Amino acid sequence: IGFRSAASPDDGSTVGGKDDISYFVKRVAFKLHETYPNPNRIVEK
């Protein structure tokens, strides 16, 4: 599961993600189902 730029890389390897969005996004937190270990996953880069 991800949070990405809308444009996709030319090789079509992923949906979106061509641009580095860290110039305006500091972190993204994903709250998973409580049955997962450490369900609050914080991604800093």
Full PDB file with SEQRES, HELIX, SHEET, SSBOND, CRYST1, ORIGX, SCALE, CONECT and MASTER records, all heavy atoms in Angstrom:
SEQRES   1 A   45  ILE GLY PHE ARG SER ALA ALA SER PRO ASP ASP GLY SER          
SEQRES   2 A   45  THR VAL GLY GLY LYS ASP ASP ILE SER TYR PHE VAL LYS          
SEQRES   3 A   45  ARG VAL ALA PHE LYS LEU HIS GLU THR TYR PRO ASN PRO          
SEQRES   4 A   45  ASN ARG ILE VAL GLU LYS                                      
SHEET    1 AA1 2 VAL A  28  LYS A  31  0                                        
SHEET    2 AA1 2 ASN A  40  VAL A  43 -1                                        
CRYST1    1.000    1.000    1.000  90.00  90.00  90.00 P 1           1          
ORIGX1      1.000000  0.000000  0.000000        0.00000                         
ORIGX2      0.000000  1.000000  0.000000        0.00000                         
ORIGX3      0.000000  0.000000  1.000000        0.00000                         
SCALE1      1.000000  0.000000  0.000000        0.00000                         
SCALE2      0.000000  1.000000  0.000000        0.00000                         
SCALE3      0.000000  0.000000  1.000000        0.00000                         
ATOM      1  N   ILE A   1       0.861  -1.180   0.000  1.00  0.00           N  
ATOM      2  CA  ILE A   1       0.000   0.000   0.000  1.00  0.00           C  
ATOM      3  C   ILE A   1       0.894   1.225   0.000  1.00  0.00           C  
ATOM      4  O   ILE A   1       1.934   1.253   0.670  1.00  0.00           O  
ATOM      5  CB  ILE A   1      -0.956   0.007   1.212  1.00  0.00           C  
ATOM      6  CG1 ILE A   1      -1.945   1.175   1.100  1.00  0.00           C  
ATOM      7  CG2 ILE A   1      -0.202   0.043   2.536  1.00  0.00           C  
ATOM      8  CD1 ILE A   1      -3.106   1.073   2.069  1.00  0.00           C  
ATOM      9  N   GLY A   2       0.526   2.224  -0.802  1.00  0.00           N  
ATOM     10  CA  GLY A   2       1.410   3.371  -0.931  1.00  0.00           C  
ATOM     11  C   GLY A   2       0.685   4.678  -1.176  1.00  0.00           C  
ATOM     12  O   GLY A   2      -0.504   4.718  -1.499  1.00  0.00           O  
ATOM     13  N   PHE A   3       1.458   5.739  -1.017  1.00  0.00           N  
ATOM     14  CA  PHE A   3       1.017   7.103  -1.316  1.00  0.00           C  
ATOM     15  C   PHE A   3       2.083   7.685  -2.227  1.00  0.00           C  
ATOM     16  O   PHE A   3       3.248   7.795  -1.833  1.00  0.00           O  
ATOM     17  CB  PHE A   3       0.883   7.920  -0.025  1.00  0.00           C  
ATOM     18  CG  PHE A   3       0.363   9.312  -0.223  1.00  0.00           C  
ATOM     19  CD1 PHE A   3      -1.004   9.549  -0.312  1.00  0.00           C  
ATOM     20  CD2 PHE A   3       1.230  10.390  -0.339  1.00  0.00           C  
ATOM     21  CE1 PHE A   3      -1.493  10.831  -0.511  1.00  0.00           C  
ATOM     22  CE2 PHE A   3       0.753  11.664  -0.530  1.00  0.00           C  
ATOM     23  CZ  PHE A   3      -0.612  11.888  -0.619  1.00  0.00           C  
ATOM     24  N   ARG A   4       1.707   8.045  -3.469  1.00  0.00           N  
ATOM     25  CA  ARG A   4       2.685   8.373  -4.499  1.00  0.00           C  
ATOM     26  C   ARG A   4       2.256   9.559  -5.346  1.00  0.00           C  
ATOM     27  O   ARG A   4       1.106   9.990  -5.296  1.00  0.00           O  
ATOM     28  CB  ARG A   4       2.878   7.166  -5.426  1.00  0.00           C  
ATOM     29  CG  ARG A   4       3.262   5.875  -4.741  1.00  0.00           C  
ATOM     30  CD  ARG A   4       3.142   4.698  -5.689  1.00  0.00           C  
ATOM     31  NE  ARG A   4       3.567   3.442  -5.082  1.00  0.00           N  
ATOM     32  CZ  ARG A   4       3.353   2.243  -5.611  1.00  0.00           C  
ATOM     33  NH1 ARG A   4       2.694   2.161  -6.777  1.00  0.00           N  
ATOM     34  NH2 ARG A   4       3.769   1.158  -4.999  1.00  0.00           N  
ATOM     35  N   SER A   5       3.203  10.026  -6.155  1.00  0.00           N  
ATOM     36  CA  SER A   5       2.852  10.997  -7.188  1.00  0.00           C  
ATOM     37  C   SER A   5       1.948  10.308  -8.201  1.00  0.00           C  
ATOM     38  O   SER A   5       1.984   9.078  -8.359  1.00  0.00           O  
ATOM     39  CB  SER A   5       4.108  11.515  -7.889  1.00  0.00           C  
ATOM     40  OG  SER A   5       4.726  10.485  -8.643  1.00  0.00           O  
ATOM     41  N   ALA A   6       1.129  11.076  -8.912  1.00  0.00           N  
ATOM     42  CA  ALA A   6       0.149  10.478  -9.817  1.00  0.00           C  
ATOM     43  C   ALA A   6       0.784   9.881 -11.066  1.00  0.00           C  
ATOM     44  O   ALA A   6       0.342   8.848 -11.570  1.00  0.00           O  
ATOM     45  CB  ALA A   6      -0.902  11.514 -10.207  1.00  0.00           C  
ATOM     46  N   ALA A   7       1.833  10.524 -11.580  1.00  0.00           N  
ATOM     47  CA  ALA A   7       2.479  10.042 -12.805  1.00  0.00           C  
ATOM     48  C   ALA A   7       3.236   8.749 -12.536  1.00  0.00           C  
ATOM     49  O   ALA A   7       3.863   8.583 -11.487  1.00  0.00           O  
ATOM     50  CB  ALA A   7       3.421  11.101 -13.353  1.00  0.00           C  
ATOM     51  N   SER A   8       3.154   7.817 -13.481  1.00  0.00           N  
ATOM     52  CA  SER A   8       3.831   6.525 -13.351  1.00  0.00           C  
ATOM     53  C   SER A   8       5.174   6.544 -14.060  1.00  0.00           C  
ATOM     54  O   SER A   8       5.363   7.287 -15.027  1.00  0.00           O  
ATOM     55  CB  SER A   8       2.965   5.411 -13.948  1.00  0.00           C  
ATOM     56  OG  SER A   8       1.738   5.280 -13.254  1.00  0.00           O  
ATOM     57  N   PRO A   9       6.116   5.726 -13.620  1.00  0.00           N  
ATOM     58  CA  PRO A   9       7.396   5.624 -14.328  1.00  0.00           C  
ATOM     59  C   PRO A   9       7.190   5.085 -15.731  1.00  0.00           C  
ATOM     60  O   PRO A   9       6.232   4.349 -15.992  1.00  0.00           O  
ATOM     61  CB  PRO A   9       8.221   4.671 -13.458  1.00  0.00           C  
ATOM     62  CG  PRO A   9       7.216   3.926 -12.641  1.00  0.00           C  
ATOM     63  CD  PRO A   9       6.074   4.855 -12.425  1.00  0.00           C  
ATOM     64  N   ASP A  10       8.087   5.448 -16.626  1.00  0.00           N  
ATOM     65  CA  ASP A  10       7.932   5.062 -18.029  1.00  0.00           C  
ATOM     66  C   ASP A  10       7.959   3.555 -18.233  1.00  0.00           C  
ATOM     67  O   ASP A  10       7.379   3.047 -19.198  1.00  0.00           O  
ATOM     68  CB  ASP A  10       9.032   5.719 -18.878  1.00  0.00           C  
ATOM     69  CG  ASP A  10       8.892   7.244 -18.915  1.00  0.00           C  
ATOM     70  OD1 ASP A  10       7.757   7.733 -18.750  1.00  0.00           O  
ATOM     71  OD2 ASP A  10       9.917   7.924 -19.106  1.00  0.00           O  
ATOM     72  N   ASP A  11       8.636   2.839 -17.349  1.00  0.00           N  
ATOM     73  CA  ASP A  11       8.717   1.388 -17.523  1.00  0.00           C  
ATOM     74  C   ASP A  11       7.477   0.662 -17.025  1.00  0.00           C  
ATOM     75  O   ASP A  11       7.372  -0.562 -17.156  1.00  0.00           O  
ATOM     76  CB  ASP A  11       9.966   0.833 -16.829  1.00  0.00           C  
ATOM     77  CG  ASP A  11       9.951   1.051 -15.308  1.00  0.00           C  
ATOM     78  OD1 ASP A  11       8.928   1.547 -14.781  1.00  0.00           O  
ATOM     79  OD2 ASP A  11      10.965   0.734 -14.671  1.00  0.00           O  
ATOM     80  N   GLY A  12       6.531   1.401 -16.442  1.00  0.00           N  
ATOM     81  CA  GLY A  12       5.282   0.790 -15.999  1.00  0.00           C  
ATOM     82  C   GLY A  12       5.437  -0.175 -14.849  1.00  0.00           C  
ATOM     83  O   GLY A  12       4.598  -1.053 -14.656  1.00  0.00           O  
ATOM     84  N   SER A  13       6.470  -0.004 -14.062  1.00  0.00           N  
ATOM     85  CA  SER A  13       6.726  -0.939 -12.963  1.00  0.00           C  
ATOM     86  C   SER A  13       5.776  -0.745 -11.792  1.00  0.00           C  
ATOM     87  O   SER A  13       5.534  -1.684 -11.027  1.00  0.00           O  
ATOM     88  CB  SER A  13       8.177  -0.796 -12.480  1.00  0.00           C  
ATOM     89  OG  SER A  13       8.448   0.549 -12.095  1.00  0.00           O  
ATOM     90  N   THR A  14       5.238   0.463 -11.627  1.00  0.00           N  
ATOM     91  CA  THR A  14       4.311   0.741 -10.531  1.00  0.00           C  
ATOM     92  C   THR A  14       3.195   1.644 -11.024  1.00  0.00           C  
ATOM     93  O   THR A  14       3.304   2.293 -12.076  1.00  0.00           O  
ATOM     94  CB  THR A  14       5.014   1.444  -9.352  1.00  0.00           C  
ATOM     95  OG1 THR A  14       5.520   2.716  -9.783  1.00  0.00           O  
ATOM     96  CG2 THR A  14       6.154   0.596  -8.808  1.00  0.00           C  
ATOM     97  N   VAL A  15       2.123   1.702 -10.242  1.00  0.00           N  
ATOM     98  CA  VAL A  15       1.057   2.674 -10.486  1.00  0.00           C  
ATOM     99  C   VAL A  15       1.468   3.952  -9.763  1.00  0.00           C  
ATOM    100  O   VAL A  15       1.564   3.984  -8.534  1.00  0.00           O  
ATOM    101  CB  VAL A  15      -0.294   2.171  -9.952  1.00  0.00           C  
ATOM    102  CG1 VAL A  15      -1.378   3.226 -10.204  1.00  0.00           C  
ATOM    103  CG2 VAL A  15      -0.662   0.851 -10.597  1.00  0.00           C  
ATOM    104  N   GLY A  16       1.707   5.019 -10.505  1.00  0.00           N  
ATOM    105  CA  GLY A  16       2.211   6.251  -9.910  1.00  0.00           C  
ATOM    106  C   GLY A  16       3.641   6.087  -9.428  1.00  0.00           C  
ATOM    107  O   GLY A  16       4.282   5.044  -9.617  1.00  0.00           O  
ATOM    108  N   GLY A  17       4.150   7.149  -8.810  1.00  0.00           N  
ATOM    109  CA  GLY A  17       5.467   7.048  -8.197  1.00  0.00           C  
ATOM    110  C   GLY A  17       6.633   7.525  -9.032  1.00  0.00           C  
ATOM    111  O   GLY A  17       7.784   7.284  -8.660  1.00  0.00           O  
ATOM    112  N   LYS A  18       6.370   8.215 -10.139  1.00  0.00           N  
ATOM    113  CA  LYS A  18       7.493   8.687 -10.950  1.00  0.00           C  
ATOM    114  C   LYS A  18       8.250   9.812 -10.249  1.00  0.00           C  
ATOM    115  O   LYS A  18       9.478   9.883 -10.318  1.00  0.00           O  
ATOM    116  CB  LYS A  18       6.994   9.170 -12.312  1.00  0.00           C  
ATOM    117  CG  LYS A  18       8.124   9.647 -13.231  1.00  0.00           C  
ATOM    118  CD  LYS A  18       7.641   9.929 -14.641  1.00  0.00           C  
ATOM    119  CE  LYS A  18       8.817  10.280 -15.544  1.00  0.00           C  
ATOM    120  NZ  LYS A  18       8.399  10.472 -16.955  1.00  0.00           N  
ATOM    121  N   ASP A  19       7.524  10.692  -9.556  1.00  0.00           N  
ATOM    122  CA  ASP A  19       8.145  11.848  -8.909  1.00  0.00           C  
ATOM    123  C   ASP A  19       8.422  11.580  -7.431  1.00  0.00           C  
ATOM    124  O   ASP A  19       7.636  10.901  -6.759  1.00  0.00           O  
ATOM    125  CB  ASP A  19       7.241  13.081  -9.026  1.00  0.00           C  
ATOM    126  CG  ASP A  19       6.992  13.488 -10.462  1.00  0.00           C  
ATOM    127  OD1 ASP A  19       7.809  13.145 -11.327  1.00  0.00           O  
ATOM    128  OD2 ASP A  19       5.952  14.143 -10.715  1.00  0.00           O  
ATOM    129  N   ASP A  20       9.518  12.129  -6.951  1.00  0.00           N  
ATOM    130  CA  ASP A  20       9.817  12.128  -5.518  1.00  0.00           C  
ATOM    131  C   ASP A  20       8.965  13.226  -4.882  1.00  0.00           C  
ATOM    132  O   ASP A  20       9.107  14.403  -5.216  1.00  0.00           O  
ATOM    133  CB  ASP A  20      11.303  12.399  -5.304  1.00  0.00           C  
ATOM    134  CG  ASP A  20      11.696  12.415  -3.837  1.00  0.00           C  
ATOM    135  OD1 ASP A  20      10.814  12.309  -2.968  1.00  0.00           O  
ATOM    136  OD2 ASP A  20      12.905  12.556  -3.558  1.00  0.00           O  
ATOM    137  N   ILE A  21       8.071  12.853  -3.969  1.00  0.00           N  
ATOM    138  CA  ILE A  21       7.160  13.839  -3.373  1.00  0.00           C  
ATOM    139  C   ILE A  21       7.627  14.285  -1.994  1.00  0.00           C  
ATOM    140  O   ILE A  21       6.884  14.972  -1.287  1.00  0.00           O  
ATOM    141  CB  ILE A  21       5.720  13.287  -3.292  1.00  0.00           C  
ATOM    142  CG1 ILE A  21       5.670  12.006  -2.459  1.00  0.00           C  
ATOM    143  CG2 ILE A  21       5.165  13.054  -4.689  1.00  0.00           C  
ATOM    144  CD1 ILE A  21       4.265  11.476  -2.238  1.00  0.00           C  
ATOM    145  N   SER A  22       8.844  13.925  -1.620  1.00  0.00           N  
ATOM    146  CA  SER A  22       9.323  14.282  -0.280  1.00  0.00           C  
ATOM    147  C   SER A  22       9.600  15.769  -0.127  1.00  0.00           C  
ATOM    148  O   SER A  22       9.824  16.234   0.994  1.00  0.00           O  
ATOM    149  CB  SER A  22      10.599  13.497   0.055  1.00  0.00           C  
ATOM    150  OG  SER A  22      11.638  13.795  -0.854  1.00  0.00           O  
ATOM    151  N   TYR A  23       9.550  16.526  -1.223  1.00  0.00           N  
ATOM    152  CA  TYR A  23       9.728  17.974  -1.103  1.00  0.00           C  
ATOM    153  C   TYR A  23       8.518  18.641  -0.449  1.00  0.00           C  
ATOM    154  O   TYR A  23       8.614  19.758   0.054  1.00  0.00           O  
ATOM    155  CB  TYR A  23      10.013  18.607  -2.467  1.00  0.00           C  
ATOM    156  CG  TYR A  23       8.877  18.542  -3.460  1.00  0.00           C  
ATOM    157  CD1 TYR A  23       7.943  19.569  -3.537  1.00  0.00           C  
ATOM    158  CD2 TYR A  23       8.748  17.471  -4.331  1.00  0.00           C  
ATOM    159  CE1 TYR A  23       6.898  19.515  -4.448  1.00  0.00           C  
ATOM    160  CE2 TYR A  23       7.723  17.403  -5.245  1.00  0.00           C  
ATOM    161  CZ  TYR A  23       6.802  18.426  -5.299  1.00  0.00           C  
ATOM    162  OH  TYR A  23       5.767  18.367  -6.201  1.00  0.00           O  
ATOM    163  N   PHE A  24       7.367  17.942  -0.445  1.00  0.00           N  
ATOM    164  CA  PHE A  24       6.204  18.514   0.256  1.00  0.00           C  
ATOM    165  C   PHE A  24       5.577  17.549   1.263  1.00  0.00           C  
ATOM    166  O   PHE A  24       4.768  17.959   2.093  1.00  0.00           O  
ATOM    167  CB  PHE A  24       5.150  19.035  -0.729  1.00  0.00           C  
ATOM    168  CG  PHE A  24       4.329  17.997  -1.430  1.00  0.00           C  
ATOM    169  CD1 PHE A  24       3.094  17.614  -0.924  1.00  0.00           C  
ATOM    170  CD2 PHE A  24       4.763  17.417  -2.620  1.00  0.00           C  
ATOM    171  CE1 PHE A  24       2.313  16.672  -1.575  1.00  0.00           C  
ATOM    172  CE2 PHE A  24       3.992  16.475  -3.279  1.00  0.00           C  
ATOM    173  CZ  PHE A  24       2.771  16.099  -2.762  1.00  0.00           C  
ATOM    174  N   VAL A  25       5.963  16.276   1.222  1.00  0.00           N  
ATOM    175  CA  VAL A  25       5.468  15.292   2.182  1.00  0.00           C  
ATOM    176  C   VAL A  25       6.589  14.920   3.139  1.00  0.00           C  
ATOM    177  O   VAL A  25       7.654  14.456   2.708  1.00  0.00           O  
ATOM    178  CB  VAL A  25       4.945  14.029   1.469  1.00  0.00           C  
ATOM    179  CG1 VAL A  25       4.577  12.958   2.487  1.00  0.00           C  
ATOM    180  CG2 VAL A  25       3.736  14.368   0.603  1.00  0.00           C  
ATOM    181  N   LYS A  26       6.349  15.117   4.424  1.00  0.00           N  
ATOM    182  CA  LYS A  26       7.363  14.794   5.436  1.00  0.00           C  
ATOM    183  C   LYS A  26       7.280  13.336   5.858  1.00  0.00           C  
ATOM    184  O   LYS A  26       8.301  12.653   5.978  1.00  0.00           O  
ATOM    185  CB  LYS A  26       7.181  15.686   6.664  1.00  0.00           C  
ATOM    186  CG  LYS A  26       8.216  15.440   7.759  1.00  0.00           C  
ATOM    187  CD  LYS A  26       8.015  16.396   8.928  1.00  0.00           C  
ATOM    188  CE  LYS A  26       9.085  16.159  10.006  1.00  0.00           C  
ATOM    189  NZ  LYS A  26       8.906  17.082  11.150  1.00  0.00           N  
ATOM    190  N   ARG A  27       6.074  12.848   6.101  1.00  0.00           N  
ATOM    191  CA  ARG A  27       5.897  11.454   6.506  1.00  0.00           C  
ATOM    192  C   ARG A  27       4.487  11.003   6.155  1.00  0.00           C  
ATOM    193  O   ARG A  27       3.574  11.826   6.002  1.00  0.00           O  
ATOM    194  CB  ARG A  27       6.156  11.273   8.000  1.00  0.00           C  
ATOM    195  CG  ARG A  27       5.051  11.748   8.910  1.00  0.00           C  
ATOM    196  CD  ARG A  27       5.304  11.389  10.363  1.00  0.00           C  
ATOM    197  NE  ARG A  27       6.473  12.085  10.882  1.00  0.00           N  
ATOM    198  CZ  ARG A  27       6.405  13.271  11.500  1.00  0.00           C  
ATOM    199  NH1 ARG A  27       5.230  13.877  11.648  1.00  0.00           N  
ATOM    200  NH2 ARG A  27       7.476  13.846  11.950  1.00  0.00           N  
ATOM    201  N   VAL A  28       4.341   9.687   6.054  1.00  0.00           N  
ATOM    202  CA  VAL A  28       3.033   9.082   5.810  1.00  0.00           C  
ATOM    203  C   VAL A  28       2.857   7.954   6.815  1.00  0.00           C  
ATOM    204  O   VAL A  28       3.731   7.095   6.962  1.00  0.00           O  
ATOM    205  CB  VAL A  28       2.903   8.544   4.375  1.00  0.00           C  
ATOM    206  CG1 VAL A  28       1.531   7.901   4.177  1.00  0.00           C  
ATOM    207  CG2 VAL A  28       3.118   9.663   3.359  1.00  0.00           C  
ATOM    208  N   ALA A  29       1.735   7.969   7.521  1.00  0.00           N  
ATOM    209  CA  ALA A  29       1.419   6.936   8.501  1.00  0.00           C  
ATOM    210  C   ALA A  29       0.296   6.061   7.956  1.00  0.00           C  
ATOM    211  O   ALA A  29      -0.740   6.573   7.511  1.00  0.00           O  
ATOM    212  CB  ALA A  29       1.016   7.557   9.828  1.00  0.00           C  
ATOM    213  N   PHE A  30       0.507   4.759   7.986  1.00  0.00           N  
ATOM    214  CA  PHE A  30      -0.494   3.792   7.532  1.00  0.00           C  
ATOM    215  C   PHE A  30      -1.003   3.024   8.756  1.00  0.00           C  
ATOM    216  O   PHE A  30      -0.232   2.349   9.439  1.00  0.00           O  
ATOM    217  CB  PHE A  30       0.118   2.817   6.532  1.00  0.00           C  
ATOM    218  CG  PHE A  30       0.666   3.455   5.289  1.00  0.00           C  
ATOM    219  CD1 PHE A  30       1.983   3.892   5.245  1.00  0.00           C  
ATOM    220  CD2 PHE A  30      -0.126   3.624   4.164  1.00  0.00           C  
ATOM    221  CE1 PHE A  30       2.503   4.476   4.103  1.00  0.00           C  
ATOM    222  CE2 PHE A  30       0.381   4.212   3.017  1.00  0.00           C  
ATOM    223  CZ  PHE A  30       1.703   4.646   2.983  1.00  0.00           C  
ATOM    224  N   LYS A  31      -2.299   3.130   8.999  1.00  0.00           N  
ATOM    225  CA  LYS A  31      -2.896   2.416  10.132  1.00  0.00           C  
ATOM    226  C   LYS A  31      -3.505   1.122   9.620  1.00  0.00           C  
ATOM    227  O   LYS A  31      -4.579   1.105   9.021  1.00  0.00           O  
ATOM    228  CB  LYS A  31      -3.958   3.280  10.819  1.00  0.00           C  
ATOM    229  CG  LYS A  31      -4.496   2.664  12.103  1.00  0.00           C  
ATOM    230  CD  LYS A  31      -5.449   3.615  12.808  1.00  0.00           C  
ATOM    231  CE  LYS A  31      -5.946   3.016  14.122  1.00  0.00           C  
ATOM    232  NZ  LYS A  31      -6.888   3.941  14.809  1.00  0.00           N  
ATOM    233  N   LEU A  32      -2.822   0.001   9.883  1.00  0.00           N  
ATOM    234  CA  LEU A  32      -3.259  -1.300   9.420  1.00  0.00           C  
ATOM    235  C   LEU A  32      -4.261  -1.907  10.395  1.00  0.00           C  
ATOM    236  O   LEU A  32      -4.565  -1.332  11.435  1.00  0.00           O  
ATOM    237  CB  LEU A  32      -2.050  -2.229   9.256  1.00  0.00           C  
ATOM    238  CG  LEU A  32      -0.870  -1.692   8.442  1.00  0.00           C  
ATOM    239  CD1 LEU A  32       0.206  -2.772   8.324  1.00  0.00           C  
ATOM    240  CD2 LEU A  32      -1.309  -1.206   7.078  1.00  0.00           C  
ATOM    241  N   HIS A  33      -4.732  -3.100  10.044  1.00  0.00           N  
ATOM    242  CA  HIS A  33      -5.637  -3.822  10.935  1.00  0.00           C  
ATOM    243  C   HIS A  33      -4.912  -4.125  12.238  1.00  0.00           C  
ATOM    244  O   HIS A  33      -3.701  -4.387  12.258  1.00  0.00           O  
ATOM    245  CB  HIS A  33      -6.103  -5.115  10.258  1.00  0.00           C  
ATOM    246  CG  HIS A  33      -7.257  -5.756  10.928  1.00  0.00           C  
ATOM    247  ND1 HIS A  33      -7.105  -6.652  11.978  1.00  0.00           N  
ATOM    248  CD2 HIS A  33      -8.596  -5.637  10.729  1.00  0.00           C  
ATOM    249  CE1 HIS A  33      -8.292  -7.061  12.378  1.00  0.00           C  
ATOM    250  NE2 HIS A  33      -9.219  -6.469  11.641  1.00  0.00           N  
ATOM    251  N   GLU A  34      -5.652  -4.089  13.325  1.00  0.00           N  
ATOM    252  CA  GLU A  34      -5.049  -4.232  14.651  1.00  0.00           C  
ATOM    253  C   GLU A  34      -4.392  -5.588  14.880  1.00  0.00           C  
ATOM    254  O   GLU A  34      -3.601  -5.759  15.820  1.00  0.00           O  
ATOM    255  CB  GLU A  34      -6.109  -4.001  15.724  1.00  0.00           C  
ATOM    256  CG  GLU A  34      -7.270  -4.969  15.662  1.00  0.00           C  
ATOM    257  CD  GLU A  34      -8.367  -4.649  16.667  1.00  0.00           C  
ATOM    258  OE1 GLU A  34      -8.323  -3.549  17.254  1.00  0.00           O  
ATOM    259  OE2 GLU A  34      -9.254  -5.496  16.853  1.00  0.00           O  
ATOM    260  N   THR A  35      -4.692  -6.568  14.030  1.00  0.00           N  
ATOM    261  CA  THR A  35      -4.084  -7.883  14.205  1.00  0.00           C  
ATOM    262  C   THR A  35      -2.626  -7.917  13.737  1.00  0.00           C  
ATOM    263  O   THR A  35      -1.913  -8.883  14.015  1.00  0.00           O  
ATOM    264  CB  THR A  35      -4.886  -8.945  13.432  1.00  0.00           C  
ATOM    265  OG1 THR A  35      -5.018  -8.537  12.064  1.00  0.00           O  
ATOM    266  CG2 THR A  35      -6.269  -9.121  14.046  1.00  0.00           C  
ATOM    267  N   TYR A  36      -2.182  -6.898  13.022  1.00  0.00           N  
ATOM    268  CA  TYR A  36      -0.792  -6.845  12.581  1.00  0.00           C  
ATOM    269  C   TYR A  36       0.101  -6.334  13.705  1.00  0.00           C  
ATOM    270  O   TYR A  36      -0.295  -5.433  14.461  1.00  0.00           O  
ATOM    271  CB  TYR A  36      -0.637  -5.925  11.373  1.00  0.00           C  
ATOM    272  CG  TYR A  36      -1.041  -6.572  10.065  1.00  0.00           C  
ATOM    273  CD1 TYR A  36      -2.352  -6.493   9.609  1.00  0.00           C  
ATOM    274  CD2 TYR A  36      -0.116  -7.249   9.286  1.00  0.00           C  
ATOM    275  CE1 TYR A  36      -2.736  -7.087   8.413  1.00  0.00           C  
ATOM    276  CE2 TYR A  36      -0.481  -7.842   8.088  1.00  0.00           C  
ATOM    277  CZ  TYR A  36      -1.786  -7.763   7.665  1.00  0.00           C  
ATOM    278  OH  TYR A  36      -2.162  -8.353   6.484  1.00  0.00           O  
ATOM    279  N   PRO A  37       1.297  -6.882  13.834  1.00  0.00           N  
ATOM    280  CA  PRO A  37       2.247  -6.321  14.807  1.00  0.00           C  
ATOM    281  C   PRO A  37       2.552  -4.870  14.429  1.00  0.00           C  
ATOM    282  O   PRO A  37       2.739  -4.557  13.258  1.00  0.00           O  
ATOM    283  CB  PRO A  37       3.496  -7.204  14.644  1.00  0.00           C  
ATOM    284  CG  PRO A  37       3.003  -8.456  13.986  1.00  0.00           C  
ATOM    285  CD  PRO A  37       1.845  -8.048  13.127  1.00  0.00           C  
ATOM    286  N   ASN A  38       2.581  -3.992  15.421  1.00  0.00           N  
ATOM    287  CA  ASN A  38       2.836  -2.582  15.168  1.00  0.00           C  
ATOM    288  C   ASN A  38       1.948  -2.075  14.022  1.00  0.00           C  
ATOM    289  O   ASN A  38       2.445  -1.740  12.939  1.00  0.00           O  
ATOM    290  CB  ASN A  38       4.308  -2.354  14.831  1.00  0.00           C  
ATOM    291  CG  ASN A  38       4.624  -0.879  14.612  1.00  0.00           C  
ATOM    292  OD1 ASN A  38       3.950   0.001  15.154  1.00  0.00           O  
ATOM    293  ND2 ASN A  38       5.639  -0.609  13.806  1.00  0.00           N  
ATOM    294  N   PRO A  39       0.628  -2.034  14.218  1.00  0.00           N  
ATOM    295  CA  PRO A  39      -0.276  -1.673  13.112  1.00  0.00           C  
ATOM    296  C   PRO A  39      -0.125  -0.234  12.614  1.00  0.00           C  
ATOM    297  O   PRO A  39      -0.546   0.068  11.497  1.00  0.00           O  
ATOM    298  CB  PRO A  39      -1.664  -1.901  13.712  1.00  0.00           C  
ATOM    299  CG  PRO A  39      -1.469  -1.774  15.181  1.00  0.00           C  
ATOM    300  CD  PRO A  39      -0.103  -2.316  15.461  1.00  0.00           C  
ATOM    301  N   ASN A  40       0.457   0.660  13.413  1.00  0.00           N  
ATOM    302  CA  ASN A  40       0.661   2.039  12.971  1.00  0.00           C  
ATOM    303  C   ASN A  40       2.054   2.162  12.363  1.00  0.00           C  
ATOM    304  O   ASN A  40       3.045   2.344  13.065  1.00  0.00           O  
ATOM    305  CB  ASN A  40       0.502   3.006  14.152  1.00  0.00           C  
ATOM    306  CG  ASN A  40      -0.923   3.018  14.682  1.00  0.00           C  
ATOM    307  OD1 ASN A  40      -1.878   3.193  13.933  1.00  0.00           O  
ATOM    308  ND2 ASN A  40      -1.073   2.805  15.986  1.00  0.00           N  
ATOM    309  N   ARG A  41       2.122   2.057  11.045  1.00  0.00           N  
ATOM    310  CA  ARG A  41       3.404   2.088  10.344  1.00  0.00           C  
ATOM    311  C   ARG A  41       3.686   3.509   9.867  1.00  0.00           C  
ATOM    312  O   ARG A  41       2.901   4.087   9.090  1.00  0.00           O  
ATOM    313  CB  ARG A  41       3.379   1.135   9.150  1.00  0.00           C  
ATOM    314  CG  ARG A  41       2.935  -0.287   9.494  1.00  0.00           C  
ATOM    315  CD  ARG A  41       3.954  -1.020  10.343  1.00  0.00           C  
ATOM    316  NE  ARG A  41       3.486  -2.364  10.699  1.00  0.00           N  
ATOM    317  CZ  ARG A  41       3.662  -3.439   9.945  1.00  0.00           C  
ATOM    318  NH1 ARG A  41       4.293  -3.339   8.780  1.00  0.00           N  
ATOM    319  NH2 ARG A  41       3.214  -4.615  10.363  1.00  0.00           N  
ATOM    320  N   ILE A  42       4.787   4.067  10.306  1.00  0.00           N  
ATOM    321  CA  ILE A  42       5.159   5.437   9.937  1.00  0.00           C  
ATOM    322  C   ILE A  42       6.356   5.380   8.997  1.00  0.00           C  
ATOM    323  O   ILE A  42       7.401   4.803   9.329  1.00  0.00           O  
ATOM    324  CB  ILE A  42       5.496   6.274  11.190  1.00  0.00           C  
ATOM    325  CG1 ILE A  42       4.270   6.356  12.103  1.00  0.00           C  
ATOM    326  CG2 ILE A  42       5.955   7.667  10.790  1.00  0.00           C  
ATOM    327  CD1 ILE A  42       4.523   7.074  13.411  1.00  0.00           C  
ATOM    328  N   VAL A  43       6.200   5.981   7.828  1.00  0.00           N  
ATOM    329  CA  VAL A  43       7.262   5.999   6.817  1.00  0.00           C  
ATOM    330  C   VAL A  43       7.765   7.433   6.686  1.00  0.00           C  
ATOM    331  O   VAL A  43       6.999   8.332   6.338  1.00  0.00           O  
ATOM    332  CB  VAL A  43       6.750   5.469   5.468  1.00  0.00           C  
ATOM    333  CG1 VAL A  43       7.883   5.398   4.453  1.00  0.00           C  
ATOM    334  CG2 VAL A  43       6.097   4.098   5.639  1.00  0.00           C  
ATOM    335  N   GLU A  44       9.050   7.616   6.952  1.00  0.00           N  
ATOM    336  CA  GLU A  44       9.625   8.961   7.014  1.00  0.00           C  
ATOM    337  C   GLU A  44      10.299   9.408   5.721  1.00  0.00           C  
ATOM    338  O   GLU A  44      10.688  10.557   5.593  1.00  0.00           O  
ATOM    339  CB  GLU A  44      10.655   9.027   8.154  1.00  0.00           C  
ATOM    340  CG  GLU A  44      10.105   8.684   9.527  1.00  0.00           C  
ATOM    341  CD  GLU A  44       9.507   9.888  10.224  1.00  0.00           C  
ATOM    342  OE1 GLU A  44       9.514  10.989   9.632  1.00  0.00           O  
ATOM    343  OE2 GLU A  44       9.040   9.736  11.371  1.00  0.00           O  
ATOM    344  N   LYS A  45      10.473   8.503   4.765  1.00  0.00           N  
ATOM    345  CA  LYS A  45      11.142   8.872   3.521  1.00  0.00           C  
ATOM    346  C   LYS A  45      10.574   8.047   2.376  1.00  0.00           C  
ATOM    347  O   LYS A  45      10.000   6.965   2.604  1.00  0.00           O  
ATOM    348  CB  LYS A  45      12.651   8.660   3.641  1.00  0.00           C  
ATOM    349  CG  LYS A  45      13.060   7.228   3.954  1.00  0.00           C  
ATOM    350  CD  LYS A  45      14.571   7.114   4.104  1.00  0.00           C  
ATOM    351  CE  LYS A  45      14.982   5.673   4.425  1.00  0.00           C  
ATOM    352  NZ  LYS A  45      16.443   5.552   4.561  1.00  0.00           N  
TER     353      LYS A  45                                                      
MASTER        0    0    0    0    2    0    0    6  352    1    0    4          
END                                                                             
